[in-house]
Each structure stands twice: as structure tokens, then as C-alpha cells.
Amino acid sequence: MQIPPSIISGQYGFQSAQSDLTQATIDVAGASQSASGITTVSSGSTTQALVEANQANFHAQASAEVIQASSDTIGTLINIKV
């Protein structure tokens, strides 16, 4: 089993967070609309979607930190070899 470079893992994590955030925003928008066009508010589904959006935000921040750490490490290695 091959382990991918950390920068790739960070990119995959960031893409996953972006997808999760997109789905959460769709869920929030859908929770306030009903099929008949009457606006309804379902606090349970809206709350859950907002929690998922917040989780996606934290996931994206963590993935960005992985990408940054990987970039810093590569930069340090290049500086040492030069």
C-alpha cells in the first residue's frame, strides 16, 4: 500500500470539505422551501445542516494547514540542499 504525499492528502481533504459544505448549503436552502412553494422552517434539519456546514469549515481549515505544512517542509528541504 502506497501512502500519498501529504500535500495530496491535504488537497483531497479540502475537496471533500468543499463538497460537504456545498451539500450542507443545499440542505439549508431546501429546509426552508416546501414543494408547494410555501416557506416552512424545519428547525431540526436546518440545525443539522448548519452544524454540517460548520464541520466542513473546520475540515477545510485543517486541510489548508496540512497543505501549508507540506509546502513549508518542501521549502525547508530545498533550502537545505541548495
PDB file of N, CA and C in Angstrom:
ATOM      1  N   MET A   1       0.847  -1.185   0.000  1.00  0.00           N
ATOM      2  CA  MET A   1       0.000   0.000   0.000  1.00  0.00           C
ATOM      3  C   MET A   1       0.888   1.243   0.000  1.00  0.00           C
ATOM      4  N   GLN A   2       0.628   2.112  -0.956  1.00  0.00           N
ATOM      5  CA  GLN A   2       1.414   3.330  -1.078  1.00  0.00           C
ATOM      6  C   GLN A   2       0.717   4.472  -0.341  1.00  0.00           C
ATOM      7  N   ILE A   3       1.479   5.228   0.416  1.00  0.00           N
ATOM      8  CA  ILE A   3       0.940   6.381   1.145  1.00  0.00           C
ATOM      9  C   ILE A   3       1.167   7.619   0.288  1.00  0.00           C
ATOM     10  N   PRO A   4       0.088   8.388   0.000  1.00  0.00           N
ATOM     11  CA  PRO A   4       0.252   9.579  -0.852  1.00  0.00           C
ATOM     12  C   PRO A   4       1.004  10.690  -0.104  1.00  0.00           C
ATOM     13  N   PRO A   5       1.639  11.581  -0.849  1.00  0.00           N
ATOM     14  CA  PRO A   5       2.301  12.728  -0.209  1.00  0.00           C
ATOM     15  C   PRO A   5       1.294  13.562   0.587  1.00  0.00           C
ATOM     16  N   SER A   6       1.784  14.218   1.614  1.00  0.00           N
ATOM     17  CA  SER A   6       0.881  14.968   2.497  1.00  0.00           C
ATOM     18  C   SER A   6       0.138  16.074   1.765  1.00  0.00           C
ATOM     19  N   ILE A   7       0.772  16.685   0.775  1.00  0.00           N
ATOM     20  CA  ILE A   7       0.093  17.772   0.056  1.00  0.00           C
ATOM     21  C   ILE A   7      -1.120  17.233  -0.706  1.00  0.00           C
ATOM     22  N   ILE A   8      -1.018  16.007  -1.228  1.00  0.00           N
ATOM     23  CA  ILE A   8      -2.141  15.384  -1.931  1.00  0.00           C
ATOM     24  C   ILE A   8      -3.266  15.076  -0.947  1.00  0.00           C
ATOM     25  N   SER A   9      -2.891  14.575   0.229  1.00  0.00           N
ATOM     26  CA  SER A   9      -3.903  14.301   1.252  1.00  0.00           C
ATOM     27  C   SER A   9      -4.626  15.580   1.661  1.00  0.00           C
ATOM     28  N   GLY A  10      -3.881  16.671   1.781  1.00  0.00           N
ATOM     29  CA  GLY A  10      -4.495  17.959   2.111  1.00  0.00           C
ATOM     30  C   GLY A  10      -5.447  18.433   1.033  1.00  0.00           C
ATOM     31  N   GLN A  11      -5.060  18.233  -0.228  1.00  0.00           N
ATOM     32  CA  GLN A  11      -5.934  18.628  -1.341  1.00  0.00           C
ATOM     33  C   GLN A  11      -7.205  17.788  -1.363  1.00  0.00           C
ATOM     34  N   TYR A  12      -7.070  16.480  -1.148  1.00  0.00           N
ATOM     35  CA  TYR A  12      -8.259  15.619  -1.100  1.00  0.00           C
ATOM     36  C   TYR A  12      -9.182  16.037   0.049  1.00  0.00           C
ATOM     37  N   GLY A  13      -8.580  16.342   1.198  1.00  0.00           N
ATOM     38  CA  GLY A  13      -9.372  16.788   2.341  1.00  0.00           C
ATOM     39  C   GLY A  13     -10.097  18.092   2.056  1.00  0.00           C
ATOM     40  N   PHE A  14      -9.406  19.005   1.384  1.00  0.00           N
ATOM     41  CA  PHE A  14     -10.018  20.291   1.058  1.00  0.00           C
ATOM     42  C   PHE A  14     -11.173  20.116   0.079  1.00  0.00           C
ATOM     43  N   GLN A  15     -10.982  19.254  -0.928  1.00  0.00           N
ATOM     44  CA  GLN A  15     -12.048  18.986  -1.889  1.00  0.00           C
ATOM     45  C   GLN A  15     -13.249  18.335  -1.212  1.00  0.00           C
ATOM     46  N   SER A  16     -12.986  17.430  -0.288  1.00  0.00           N
ATOM     47  CA  SER A  16     -14.061  16.781   0.454  1.00  0.00           C
ATOM     48  C   SER A  16     -14.835  17.795   1.296  1.00  0.00           C
ATOM     49  N   ALA A  17     -14.109  18.698   1.948  1.00  0.00           N
ATOM     50  CA  ALA A  17     -14.758  19.736   2.749  1.00  0.00           C
ATOM     51  C   ALA A  17     -15.608  20.644   1.883  1.00  0.00           C
ATOM     52  N   GLN A  18     -15.110  20.969   0.701  1.00  0.00           N
ATOM     53  CA  GLN A  18     -15.871  21.816  -0.217  1.00  0.00           C
ATOM     54  C   GLN A  18     -17.163  21.126  -0.642  1.00  0.00           C
ATOM     55  N   SER A  19     -17.083  19.842  -0.933  1.00  0.00           N
ATOM     56  CA  SER A  19     -18.261  19.073  -1.315  1.00  0.00           C
ATOM     57  C   SER A  19     -19.264  19.003  -0.157  1.00  0.00           C
ATOM     58  N   ASP A  20     -18.756  18.778   1.059  1.00  0.00           N
ATOM     59  CA  ASP A  20     -19.628  18.719   2.236  1.00  0.00           C
ATOM     60  C   ASP A  20     -20.318  20.054   2.482  1.00  0.00           C
ATOM     61  N   LEU A  21     -19.589  21.145   2.304  1.00  0.00           N
ATOM     62  CA  LEU A  21     -20.173  22.473   2.504  1.00  0.00           C
ATOM     63  C   LEU A  21     -21.245  22.757   1.461  1.00  0.00           C
ATOM     64  N   THR A  22     -20.991  22.360   0.229  1.00  0.00           N
ATOM     65  CA  THR A  22     -21.991  22.533  -0.832  1.00  0.00           C
ATOM     66  C   THR A  22     -23.272  21.782  -0.486  1.00  0.00           C
ATOM     67  N   GLN A  23     -23.127  20.540  -0.039  1.00  0.00           N
ATOM     68  CA  GLN A  23     -24.304  19.744   0.319  1.00  0.00           C
ATOM     69  C   GLN A  23     -25.043  20.365   1.505  1.00  0.00           C
ATOM     70  N   ALA A  24     -24.303  20.858   2.483  1.00  0.00           N
ATOM     71  CA  ALA A  24     -24.937  21.472   3.652  1.00  0.00           C
ATOM     72  C   ALA A  24     -25.715  22.726   3.262  1.00  0.00           C
ATOM     73  N   THR A  25     -25.173  23.542   2.355  1.00  0.00           N
ATOM     74  CA  THR A  25     -25.897  24.741   1.935  1.00  0.00           C
ATOM     75  C   THR A  25     -27.144  24.378   1.135  1.00  0.00           C
ATOM     76  N   ILE A  26     -27.061  23.314   0.356  1.00  0.00           N
ATOM     77  CA  ILE A  26     -28.254  22.840  -0.365  1.00  0.00           C
ATOM     78  C   ILE A  26     -29.307  22.388   0.633  1.00  0.00           C
ATOM     79  N   ASP A  27     -28.874  21.698   1.691  1.00  0.00           N
ATOM     80  CA  ASP A  27     -29.809  21.227   2.720  1.00  0.00           C
ATOM     81  C   ASP A  27     -30.460  22.388   3.465  1.00  0.00           C
ATOM     82  N   VAL A  28     -29.685  23.441   3.743  1.00  0.00           N
ATOM     83  CA  VAL A  28     -30.249  24.617   4.418  1.00  0.00           C
ATOM     84  C   VAL A  28     -31.285  25.281   3.516  1.00  0.00           C
ATOM     85  N   ALA A  29     -30.948  25.438   2.252  1.00  0.00           N
ATOM     86  CA  ALA A  29     -31.884  26.071   1.316  1.00  0.00           C
ATOM     87  C   ALA A  29     -33.136  25.216   1.143  1.00  0.00           C
ATOM     88  N   GLY A  30     -32.959  23.900   1.084  1.00  0.00           N
ATOM     89  CA  GLY A  30     -34.100  23.007   0.905  1.00  0.00           C
ATOM     90  C   GLY A  30     -34.987  22.930   2.129  1.00  0.00           C
ATOM     91  N   ALA A  31     -34.415  23.148   3.309  1.00  0.00           N
ATOM     92  CA  ALA A  31     -35.200  23.065   4.536  1.00  0.00           C
ATOM     93  C   ALA A  31     -36.196  24.203   4.656  1.00  0.00           C
ATOM     94  N   SER A  32     -35.928  25.313   3.979  1.00  0.00           N
ATOM     95  CA  SER A  32     -36.832  26.460   4.085  1.00  0.00           C
ATOM     96  C   SER A  32     -37.838  26.520   2.945  1.00  0.00           C
ATOM     97  N   GLN A  33     -37.785  25.585   2.032  1.00  0.00           N
ATOM     98  CA  GLN A  33     -38.717  25.551   0.908  1.00  0.00           C
ATOM     99  C   GLN A  33     -39.521  24.256   0.947  1.00  0.00           C
ATOM    100  N   SER A  34     -40.774  24.339   0.640  1.00  0.00           N
ATOM    101  CA  SER A  34     -41.574  23.133   0.518  1.00  0.00           C
ATOM    102  C   SER A  34     -41.966  22.960  -0.952  1.00  0.00           C
ATOM    103  N   ALA A  35     -42.495  21.824  -1.283  1.00  0.00           N
ATOM    104  CA  ALA A  35     -42.862  21.533  -2.670  1.00  0.00           C
ATOM    105  C   ALA A  35     -43.947  22.477  -3.183  1.00  0.00           C
ATOM    106  N   SER A  36     -44.812  22.952  -2.314  1.00  0.00           N
ATOM    107  CA  SER A  36     -45.896  23.821  -2.744  1.00  0.00           C
ATOM    108  C   SER A  36     -45.477  25.281  -2.878  1.00  0.00           C
ATOM    109  N   GLY A  37     -44.224  25.579  -2.553  1.00  0.00           N
ATOM    110  CA  GLY A  37     -43.749  26.955  -2.666  1.00  0.00           C
ATOM    111  C   GLY A  37     -43.948  27.758  -1.398  1.00  0.00           C
ATOM    112  N   ILE A  38     -44.587  27.182  -0.402  1.00  0.00           N
ATOM    113  CA  ILE A  38     -44.780  27.871   0.872  1.00  0.00           C
ATOM    114  C   ILE A  38     -43.510  27.708   1.705  1.00  0.00           C
ATOM    115  N   THR A  39     -43.044  28.813   2.246  1.00  0.00           N
ATOM    116  CA  THR A  39     -41.831  28.768   3.051  1.00  0.00           C
ATOM    117  C   THR A  39     -42.139  28.152   4.401  1.00  0.00           C
ATOM    118  N   THR A  40     -41.384  27.127   4.732  1.00  0.00           N
ATOM    119  CA  THR A  40     -41.514  26.476   6.035  1.00  0.00           C
ATOM    120  C   THR A  40     -40.140  26.413   6.675  1.00  0.00           C
ATOM    121  N   VAL A  41     -40.128  26.296   7.963  1.00  0.00           N
ATOM    122  CA  VAL A  41     -38.860  26.182   8.673  1.00  0.00           C
ATOM    123  C   VAL A  41     -38.889  24.916   9.500  1.00  0.00           C
ATOM    124  N   SER A  42     -37.984  24.023   9.188  1.00  0.00           N
ATOM    125  CA  SER A  42     -37.818  22.798   9.950  1.00  0.00           C
ATOM    126  C   SER A  42     -36.540  22.959  10.756  1.00  0.00           C
ATOM    127  N   SER A  43     -36.687  23.293  12.023  1.00  0.00           N
ATOM    128  CA  SER A  43     -35.508  23.649  12.814  1.00  0.00           C
ATOM    129  C   SER A  43     -34.535  22.488  12.972  1.00  0.00           C
ATOM    130  N   GLY A  44     -35.034  21.242  13.024  1.00  0.00           N
ATOM    131  CA  GLY A  44     -34.143  20.096  13.177  1.00  0.00           C
ATOM    132  C   GLY A  44     -33.234  19.911  11.986  1.00  0.00           C
ATOM    133  N   SER A  45     -33.808  19.914  10.792  1.00  0.00           N
ATOM    134  CA  SER A  45     -32.985  19.711   9.596  1.00  0.00           C
ATOM    135  C   SER A  45     -32.112  20.928   9.307  1.00  0.00           C
ATOM    136  N   THR A  46     -32.614  22.111   9.588  1.00  0.00           N
ATOM    137  CA  THR A  46     -31.814  23.316   9.384  1.00  0.00           C
ATOM    138  C   THR A  46     -30.633  23.343  10.344  1.00  0.00           C
ATOM    139  N   THR A  47     -30.892  23.007  11.593  1.00  0.00           N
ATOM    140  CA  THR A  47     -29.814  22.979  12.584  1.00  0.00           C
ATOM    141  C   THR A  47     -28.759  21.958  12.204  1.00  0.00           C
ATOM    142  N   GLN A  48     -29.183  20.772  11.799  1.00  0.00           N
ATOM    143  CA  GLN A  48     -28.243  19.726  11.400  1.00  0.00           C
ATOM    144  C   GLN A  48     -27.408  20.173  10.202  1.00  0.00           C
ATOM    145  N   ALA A  49     -28.045  20.805   9.228  1.00  0.00           N
ATOM    146  CA  ALA A  49     -27.322  21.280   8.041  1.00  0.00           C
ATOM    147  C   ALA A  49     -26.317  22.366   8.413  1.00  0.00           C
ATOM    148  N   LEU A  50     -26.679  23.247   9.332  1.00  0.00           N
ATOM    149  CA  LEU A  50     -25.748  24.286   9.768  1.00  0.00           C
ATOM    150  C   LEU A  50     -24.574  23.714  10.549  1.00  0.00           C
ATOM    151  N   VAL A  51     -24.825  22.689  11.347  1.00  0.00           N
ATOM    152  CA  VAL A  51     -23.742  22.009  12.062  1.00  0.00           C
ATOM    153  C   VAL A  51     -22.799  21.354  11.058  1.00  0.00           C
ATOM    154  N   GLU A  52     -23.360  20.718  10.032  1.00  0.00           N
ATOM    155  CA  GLU A  52     -22.538  20.084   9.000  1.00  0.00           C
ATOM    156  C   GLU A  52     -21.725  21.124   8.225  1.00  0.00           C
ATOM    157  N   ALA A  53     -22.297  22.298   7.997  1.00  0.00           N
ATOM    158  CA  ALA A  53     -21.559  23.369   7.326  1.00  0.00           C
ATOM    159  C   ALA A  53     -20.394  23.831   8.191  1.00  0.00           C
ATOM    160  N   ASN A  54     -20.612  23.930   9.485  1.00  0.00           N
ATOM    161  CA  ASN A  54     -19.548  24.326  10.405  1.00  0.00           C
ATOM    162  C   ASN A  54     -18.444  23.261  10.448  1.00  0.00           C
ATOM    163  N   GLN A  55     -18.836  21.990  10.438  1.00  0.00           N
ATOM    164  CA  GLN A  55     -17.853  20.904  10.412  1.00  0.00           C
ATOM    165  C   GLN A  55     -17.030  20.951   9.123  1.00  0.00           C
ATOM    166  N   ALA A  56     -17.681  21.235   8.011  1.00  0.00           N
ATOM    167  CA  ALA A  56     -16.976  21.343   6.733  1.00  0.00           C
ATOM    168  C   ALA A  56     -15.973  22.492   6.769  1.00  0.00           C
ATOM    169  N   ASN A  57     -16.341  23.572   7.437  1.00  0.00           N
ATOM    170  CA  ASN A  57     -15.444  24.711   7.587  1.00  0.00           C
ATOM    171  C   ASN A  57     -14.186  24.309   8.358  1.00  0.00           C
ATOM    172  N   PHE A  58     -14.354  23.602   9.477  1.00  0.00           N
ATOM    173  CA  PHE A  58     -13.204  23.141  10.259  1.00  0.00           C
ATOM    174  C   PHE A  58     -12.357  22.152   9.459  1.00  0.00           C
ATOM    175  N   HIS A  59     -13.010  21.293   8.705  1.00  0.00           N
ATOM    176  CA  HIS A  59     -12.314  20.317   7.870  1.00  0.00           C
ATOM    177  C   HIS A  59     -11.451  21.043   6.827  1.00  0.00           C
ATOM    178  N   ALA A  60     -12.004  22.082   6.219  1.00  0.00           N
ATOM    179  CA  ALA A  60     -11.261  22.859   5.221  1.00  0.00           C
ATOM    180  C   ALA A  60     -10.069  23.566   5.866  1.00  0.00           C
ATOM    181  N   GLN A  61     -10.255  24.111   7.048  1.00  0.00           N
ATOM    182  CA  GLN A  61      -9.154  24.784   7.735  1.00  0.00           C
ATOM    183  C   GLN A  61      -8.035  23.805   8.076  1.00  0.00           C
ATOM    184  N   ALA A  62      -8.398  22.622   8.547  1.00  0.00           N
ATOM    185  CA  ALA A  62      -7.391  21.612   8.873  1.00  0.00           C
ATOM    186  C   ALA A  62      -6.648  21.163   7.616  1.00  0.00           C
ATOM    187  N   SER A  63      -7.371  20.985   6.533  1.00  0.00           N
ATOM    188  CA  SER A  63      -6.740  20.576   5.275  1.00  0.00           C
ATOM    189  C   SER A  63      -5.809  21.664   4.749  1.00  0.00           C
ATOM    190  N   ALA A  64      -6.202  22.913   4.908  1.00  0.00           N
ATOM    191  CA  ALA A  64      -5.340  24.023   4.490  1.00  0.00           C
ATOM    192  C   ALA A  64      -4.056  24.047   5.318  1.00  0.00           C
ATOM    193  N   GLU A  65      -4.161  23.719   6.603  1.00  0.00           N
ATOM    194  CA  GLU A  65      -2.966  23.668   7.440  1.00  0.00           C
ATOM    195  C   GLU A  65      -2.045  22.521   7.021  1.00  0.00           C
ATOM    196  N   VAL A  66      -2.620  21.396   6.600  1.00  0.00           N
ATOM    197  CA  VAL A  66      -1.810  20.273   6.101  1.00  0.00           C
ATOM    198  C   VAL A  66      -1.065  20.701   4.841  1.00  0.00           C
ATOM    199  N   ILE A  67      -1.777  21.365   3.932  1.00  0.00           N
ATOM    200  CA  ILE A  67      -1.148  21.842   2.693  1.00  0.00           C
ATOM    201  C   ILE A  67      -0.028  22.836   3.011  1.00  0.00           C
ATOM    202  N   GLN A  68      -0.279  23.753   3.935  1.00  0.00           N
ATOM    203  CA  GLN A  68       0.725  24.751   4.307  1.00  0.00           C
ATOM    204  C   GLN A  68       1.943  24.092   4.945  1.00  0.00           C
ATOM    205  N   ALA A  69       1.720  23.136   5.842  1.00  0.00           N
ATOM    206  CA  ALA A  69       2.840  22.447   6.496  1.00  0.00           C
ATOM    207  C   ALA A  69       3.668  21.673   5.471  1.00  0.00           C
ATOM    208  N   SER A  70       2.995  21.038   4.523  1.00  0.00           N
ATOM    209  CA  SER A  70       3.702  20.299   3.480  1.00  0.00           C
ATOM    210  C   SER A  70       4.534  21.248   2.624  1.00  0.00           C
ATOM    211  N   SER A  71       3.961  22.372   2.272  1.00  0.00           N
ATOM    212  CA  SER A  71       4.671  23.366   1.468  1.00  0.00           C
ATOM    213  C   SER A  71       5.886  23.910   2.222  1.00  0.00           C
ATOM    214  N   ASP A  72       5.711  24.189   3.511  1.00  0.00           N
ATOM    215  CA  ASP A  72       6.829  24.683   4.325  1.00  0.00           C
ATOM    216  C   ASP A  72       7.944  23.647   4.421  1.00  0.00           C
ATOM    217  N   THR A  73       7.559  22.382   4.571  1.00  0.00           N
ATOM    218  CA  THR A  73       8.552  21.306   4.672  1.00  0.00           C
ATOM    219  C   THR A  73       9.342  21.173   3.378  1.00  0.00           C
ATOM    220  N   ILE A  74       8.649  21.209   2.256  1.00  0.00           N
ATOM    221  CA  ILE A  74       9.337  21.127   0.966  1.00  0.00           C
ATOM    222  C   ILE A  74      10.266  22.321   0.788  1.00  0.00           C
ATOM    223  N   GLY A  75       9.805  23.498   1.164  1.00  0.00           N
ATOM    224  CA  GLY A  75      10.645  24.691   1.061  1.00  0.00           C
ATOM    225  C   GLY A  75      11.886  24.577   1.931  1.00  0.00           C
ATOM    226  N   THR A  76      11.751  24.033   3.128  1.00  0.00           N
ATOM    227  CA  THR A  76      12.891  23.849   4.028  1.00  0.00           C
ATOM    228  C   THR A  76      13.875  22.848   3.438  1.00  0.00           C
ATOM    229  N   LEU A  77      13.363  21.753   2.888  1.00  0.00           N
ATOM    230  CA  LEU A  77      14.249  20.743   2.279  1.00  0.00           C
ATOM    231  C   LEU A  77      15.009  21.317   1.109  1.00  0.00           C
ATOM    232  N   ILE A  78      14.349  22.124   0.300  1.00  0.00           N
ATOM    233  CA  ILE A  78      15.021  22.738  -0.847  1.00  0.00           C
ATOM    234  C   ILE A  78      16.106  23.698  -0.372  1.00  0.00           C
ATOM    235  N   ASN A  79      15.827  24.477   0.675  1.00  0.00           N
ATOM    236  CA  ASN A  79      16.816  25.422   1.204  1.00  0.00           C
ATOM    237  C   ASN A  79      18.029  24.683   1.780  1.00  0.00           C
ATOM    238  N   ILE A  80      17.803  23.534   2.388  1.00  0.00           N
ATOM    239  CA  ILE A  80      18.915  22.774   2.976  1.00  0.00           C
ATOM    240  C   ILE A  80      19.813  22.216   1.886  1.00  0.00           C
ATOM    241  N   LYS A  81      19.233  21.750   0.790  1.00  0.00           N
ATOM    242  CA  LYS A  81      20.008  21.127  -0.284  1.00  0.00           C
ATOM    243  C   LYS A  81      20.742  22.148  -1.131  1.00  0.00           C
ATOM    244  N   VAL A  82      20.312  23.384  -1.158  1.00  0.00           N
ATOM    245  CA  VAL A  82      20.932  24.395  -2.026  1.00  0.00           C
ATOM    246  C   VAL A  82      22.167  24.966  -1.400  1.00  0.00           C
TER     247      VAL A  82
END
